[in-house]
Amino acid sequence: MTIQRISIASGVLLAAVCLPVLAIAGMRCGSRIIDRGVSSVEVSSFCGEPAQIDRSTAFRGDSRVTDGAGRVTGIGADVQVEFWTYNFGPNLLMERVRIEDGIVVDVQDLGYGFNEP
């Protein structure tokens, strides 16, 4: 192999390694990256108020039947879940941030945003 071919192969390999890492990164608000582990206070501070907030409760933990009467026991708790949707306009992606008990657990791209009326 020539030096030029080795150089090209190295560049392709480097790009293949780096692209999945870039895809994992959360959403960008100014110079900040919002990803797992960030608090909801930081999200609103860096990104402003979302266009929409949906709230629900989810049970996290273990439950099991312990007797013939069908009583369910276990250890767990209700978790407050919020989905914050950000619309950054038609030239940027909309983002949905899943927040559980005040901490970001997931960021999802929703496609391009739109101009609000």
C-alpha atoms as a PDB file:
ATOM      1  CA  MET A   1       0.000   0.000   0.000  1.00  0.00           C
ATOM      2  CA  THR A   2       1.114   3.505  -0.712  1.00  0.00           C
ATOM      3  CA  ILE A   3       1.256   6.253   1.869  1.00  0.00           C
ATOM      4  CA  GLN A   4      -1.734   7.947   0.236  1.00  0.00           C
ATOM      5  CA  ARG A   5      -3.894   4.801   0.487  1.00  0.00           C
ATOM      6  CA  ILE A   6      -2.874   4.273   4.115  1.00  0.00           C
ATOM      7  CA  SER A   7      -3.780   7.882   4.861  1.00  0.00           C
ATOM      8  CA  ILE A   8      -7.213   7.518   3.230  1.00  0.00           C
ATOM      9  CA  ALA A   9      -7.872   4.219   5.011  1.00  0.00           C
ATOM     10  CA  SER A  10      -6.912   5.803   8.337  1.00  0.00           C
ATOM     11  CA  GLY A  11      -9.292   8.716   7.709  1.00  0.00           C
ATOM     12  CA  VAL A  12     -12.179   6.390   6.868  1.00  0.00           C
ATOM     13  CA  LEU A  13     -11.510   4.304   9.987  1.00  0.00           C
ATOM     14  CA  LEU A  14     -11.375   7.419  12.174  1.00  0.00           C
ATOM     15  CA  ALA A  15     -14.684   8.668  10.743  1.00  0.00           C
ATOM     16  CA  ALA A  16     -16.325   5.280  11.327  1.00  0.00           C
ATOM     17  CA  VAL A  17     -15.247   5.353  14.967  1.00  0.00           C
ATOM     18  CA  CYS A  18     -16.269   8.970  15.607  1.00  0.00           C
ATOM     19  CA  LEU A  19     -19.690   9.030  13.920  1.00  0.00           C
ATOM     20  CA  PRO A  20     -21.462   6.754  16.439  1.00  0.00           C
ATOM     21  CA  VAL A  21     -20.131   8.914  19.261  1.00  0.00           C
ATOM     22  CA  LEU A  22     -21.560  12.029  17.618  1.00  0.00           C
ATOM     23  CA  ALA A  23     -24.928  10.323  17.141  1.00  0.00           C
ATOM     24  CA  ILE A  24     -25.122   9.537  20.869  1.00  0.00           C
ATOM     25  CA  ALA A  25     -24.616  13.150  21.897  1.00  0.00           C
ATOM     26  CA  GLY A  26     -27.768  14.839  23.227  1.00  0.00           C
ATOM     27  CA  MET A  27     -29.210  18.110  22.048  1.00  0.00           C
ATOM     28  CA  ARG A  28     -27.264  21.349  21.865  1.00  0.00           C
ATOM     29  CA  CYS A  29     -28.480  24.559  23.504  1.00  0.00           C
ATOM     30  CA  GLY A  30     -26.017  27.306  22.733  1.00  0.00           C
ATOM     31  CA  SER A  31     -22.607  25.984  23.749  1.00  0.00           C
ATOM     32  CA  ARG A  32     -24.069  23.355  26.106  1.00  0.00           C
ATOM     33  CA  ILE A  33     -24.856  19.702  25.406  1.00  0.00           C
ATOM     34  CA  ILE A  34     -27.958  18.358  27.144  1.00  0.00           C
ATOM     35  CA  ASP A  35     -27.676  14.609  27.713  1.00  0.00           C
ATOM     36  CA  ARG A  36     -28.366  11.945  30.332  1.00  0.00           C
ATOM     37  CA  GLY A  37     -27.712  12.991  33.914  1.00  0.00           C
ATOM     38  CA  VAL A  38     -28.390  16.722  33.463  1.00  0.00           C
ATOM     39  CA  SER A  39     -30.967  18.203  35.845  1.00  0.00           C
ATOM     40  CA  SER A  40     -34.226  19.721  34.611  1.00  0.00           C
ATOM     41  CA  VAL A  41     -33.145  23.020  36.183  1.00  0.00           C
ATOM     42  CA  GLU A  42     -30.057  23.068  33.958  1.00  0.00           C
ATOM     43  CA  VAL A  43     -32.123  22.173  30.885  1.00  0.00           C
ATOM     44  CA  SER A  44     -34.520  25.082  31.398  1.00  0.00           C
ATOM     45  CA  SER A  45     -31.615  27.405  32.231  1.00  0.00           C
ATOM     46  CA  PHE A  46     -29.665  26.548  29.055  1.00  0.00           C
ATOM     47  CA  CYS A  47     -32.542  25.882  26.622  1.00  0.00           C
ATOM     48  CA  GLY A  48     -35.405  28.017  27.900  1.00  0.00           C
ATOM     49  CA  GLU A  49     -38.978  26.867  28.290  1.00  0.00           C
ATOM     50  CA  PRO A  50     -40.075  23.948  26.111  1.00  0.00           C
ATOM     51  CA  ALA A  51     -42.899  24.294  23.582  1.00  0.00           C
ATOM     52  CA  GLN A  52     -44.773  21.464  25.314  1.00  0.00           C
ATOM     53  CA  ILE A  53     -44.584  19.465  28.554  1.00  0.00           C
ATOM     54  CA  ASP A  54     -46.369  16.133  29.049  1.00  0.00           C
ATOM     55  CA  ARG A  55     -46.449  14.652  32.562  1.00  0.00           C
ATOM     56  CA  SER A  56     -47.143  11.130  33.836  1.00  0.00           C
ATOM     57  CA  THR A  57     -46.158   8.724  36.583  1.00  0.00           C
ATOM     58  CA  ALA A  58     -44.395   5.376  36.176  1.00  0.00           C
ATOM     59  CA  PHE A  59     -43.756   2.619  38.702  1.00  0.00           C
ATOM     60  CA  ARG A  60     -40.124   1.531  39.063  1.00  0.00           C
ATOM     61  CA  GLY A  61     -39.211  -1.474  41.108  1.00  0.00           C
ATOM     62  CA  ASP A  62     -40.098  -5.084  41.695  1.00  0.00           C
ATOM     63  CA  SER A  63     -43.481  -6.570  42.520  1.00  0.00           C
ATOM     64  CA  ARG A  64     -44.430 -10.204  43.028  1.00  0.00           C
ATOM     65  CA  VAL A  65     -47.328 -12.332  44.238  1.00  0.00           C
ATOM     66  CA  THR A  66     -46.556 -13.671  47.701  1.00  0.00           C
ATOM     67  CA  ASP A  67     -49.569 -15.791  48.618  1.00  0.00           C
ATOM     68  CA  GLY A  68     -52.554 -17.701  47.248  1.00  0.00           C
ATOM     69  CA  ALA A  69     -54.822 -14.706  47.825  1.00  0.00           C
ATOM     70  CA  GLY A  70     -53.041 -12.896  44.997  1.00  0.00           C
ATOM     71  CA  ARG A  71     -51.670 -10.094  47.134  1.00  0.00           C
ATOM     72  CA  VAL A  72     -48.878  -8.261  45.389  1.00  0.00           C
ATOM     73  CA  THR A  73     -45.959  -6.997  47.411  1.00  0.00           C
ATOM     74  CA  GLY A  74     -42.603  -5.636  46.493  1.00  0.00           C
ATOM     75  CA  ILE A  75     -40.194  -2.781  46.641  1.00  0.00           C
ATOM     76  CA  GLY A  76     -40.589   0.130  44.309  1.00  0.00           C
ATOM     77  CA  ALA A  77     -41.787   3.669  43.933  1.00  0.00           C
ATOM     78  CA  ASP A  78     -43.671   5.951  41.610  1.00  0.00           C
ATOM     79  CA  VAL A  79     -41.429   8.095  39.432  1.00  0.00           C
ATOM     80  CA  GLN A  80     -42.509  11.456  38.029  1.00  0.00           C
ATOM     81  CA  VAL A  81     -41.941  11.422  34.260  1.00  0.00           C
ATOM     82  CA  GLU A  82     -41.969  14.517  32.052  1.00  0.00           C
ATOM     83  CA  PHE A  83     -41.486  14.802  28.308  1.00  0.00           C
ATOM     84  CA  TRP A  84     -40.246  18.257  27.309  1.00  0.00           C
ATOM     85  CA  THR A  85     -40.556  19.036  23.594  1.00  0.00           C
ATOM     86  CA  TYR A  86     -38.379  21.771  22.104  1.00  0.00           C
ATOM     87  CA  ASN A  87     -39.167  23.287  18.708  1.00  0.00           C
ATOM     88  CA  PHE A  88     -36.086  25.160  17.476  1.00  0.00           C
ATOM     89  CA  GLY A  89     -37.686  26.163  14.158  1.00  0.00           C
ATOM     90  CA  PRO A  90     -37.734  24.773  10.602  1.00  0.00           C
ATOM     91  CA  ASN A  91     -33.957  24.731  10.138  1.00  0.00           C
ATOM     92  CA  LEU A  92     -33.177  22.692  13.268  1.00  0.00           C
ATOM     93  CA  LEU A  93     -34.360  19.416  14.739  1.00  0.00           C
ATOM     94  CA  MET A  94     -37.127  19.273  17.311  1.00  0.00           C
ATOM     95  CA  GLU A  95     -36.039  17.437  20.462  1.00  0.00           C
ATOM     96  CA  ARG A  96     -37.950  15.467  23.096  1.00  0.00           C
ATOM     97  CA  VAL A  97     -36.272  15.271  26.502  1.00  0.00           C
ATOM     98  CA  ARG A  98     -37.439  12.554  28.923  1.00  0.00           C
ATOM     99  CA  ILE A  99     -36.981  13.627  32.538  1.00  0.00           C
ATOM    100  CA  GLU A 100     -37.512  11.276  35.477  1.00  0.00           C
ATOM    101  CA  ASP A 101     -37.575  12.764  38.976  1.00  0.00           C
ATOM    102  CA  GLY A 102     -35.834  15.897  37.725  1.00  0.00           C
ATOM    103  CA  ILE A 103     -32.992  14.197  35.796  1.00  0.00           C
ATOM    104  CA  VAL A 104     -32.655  13.753  32.013  1.00  0.00           C
ATOM    105  CA  VAL A 105     -32.755  10.057  31.098  1.00  0.00           C
ATOM    106  CA  ASP A 106     -33.149  10.326  27.303  1.00  0.00           C
ATOM    107  CA  VAL A 107     -33.006  12.817  24.431  1.00  0.00           C
ATOM    108  CA  GLN A 108     -34.730  11.989  21.149  1.00  0.00           C
ATOM    109  CA  ASP A 109     -34.637  13.772  17.777  1.00  0.00           C
ATOM    110  CA  LEU A 110     -38.121  14.308  16.312  1.00  0.00           C
ATOM    111  CA  GLY A 111     -37.280  15.662  12.869  1.00  0.00           C
ATOM    112  CA  TYR A 112     -37.246  19.248  11.715  1.00  0.00           C
ATOM    113  CA  GLY A 113     -39.232  21.815  13.625  1.00  0.00           C
ATOM    114  CA  PHE A 114     -41.662  24.402  12.284  1.00  0.00           C
ATOM    115  CA  ASN A 115     -42.509  28.070  12.593  1.00  0.00           C
ATOM    116  CA  GLU A 116     -45.085  28.581  15.308  1.00  0.00           C
ATOM    117  CA  PRO A 117     -48.054  30.796  14.409  1.00  0.00           C
END
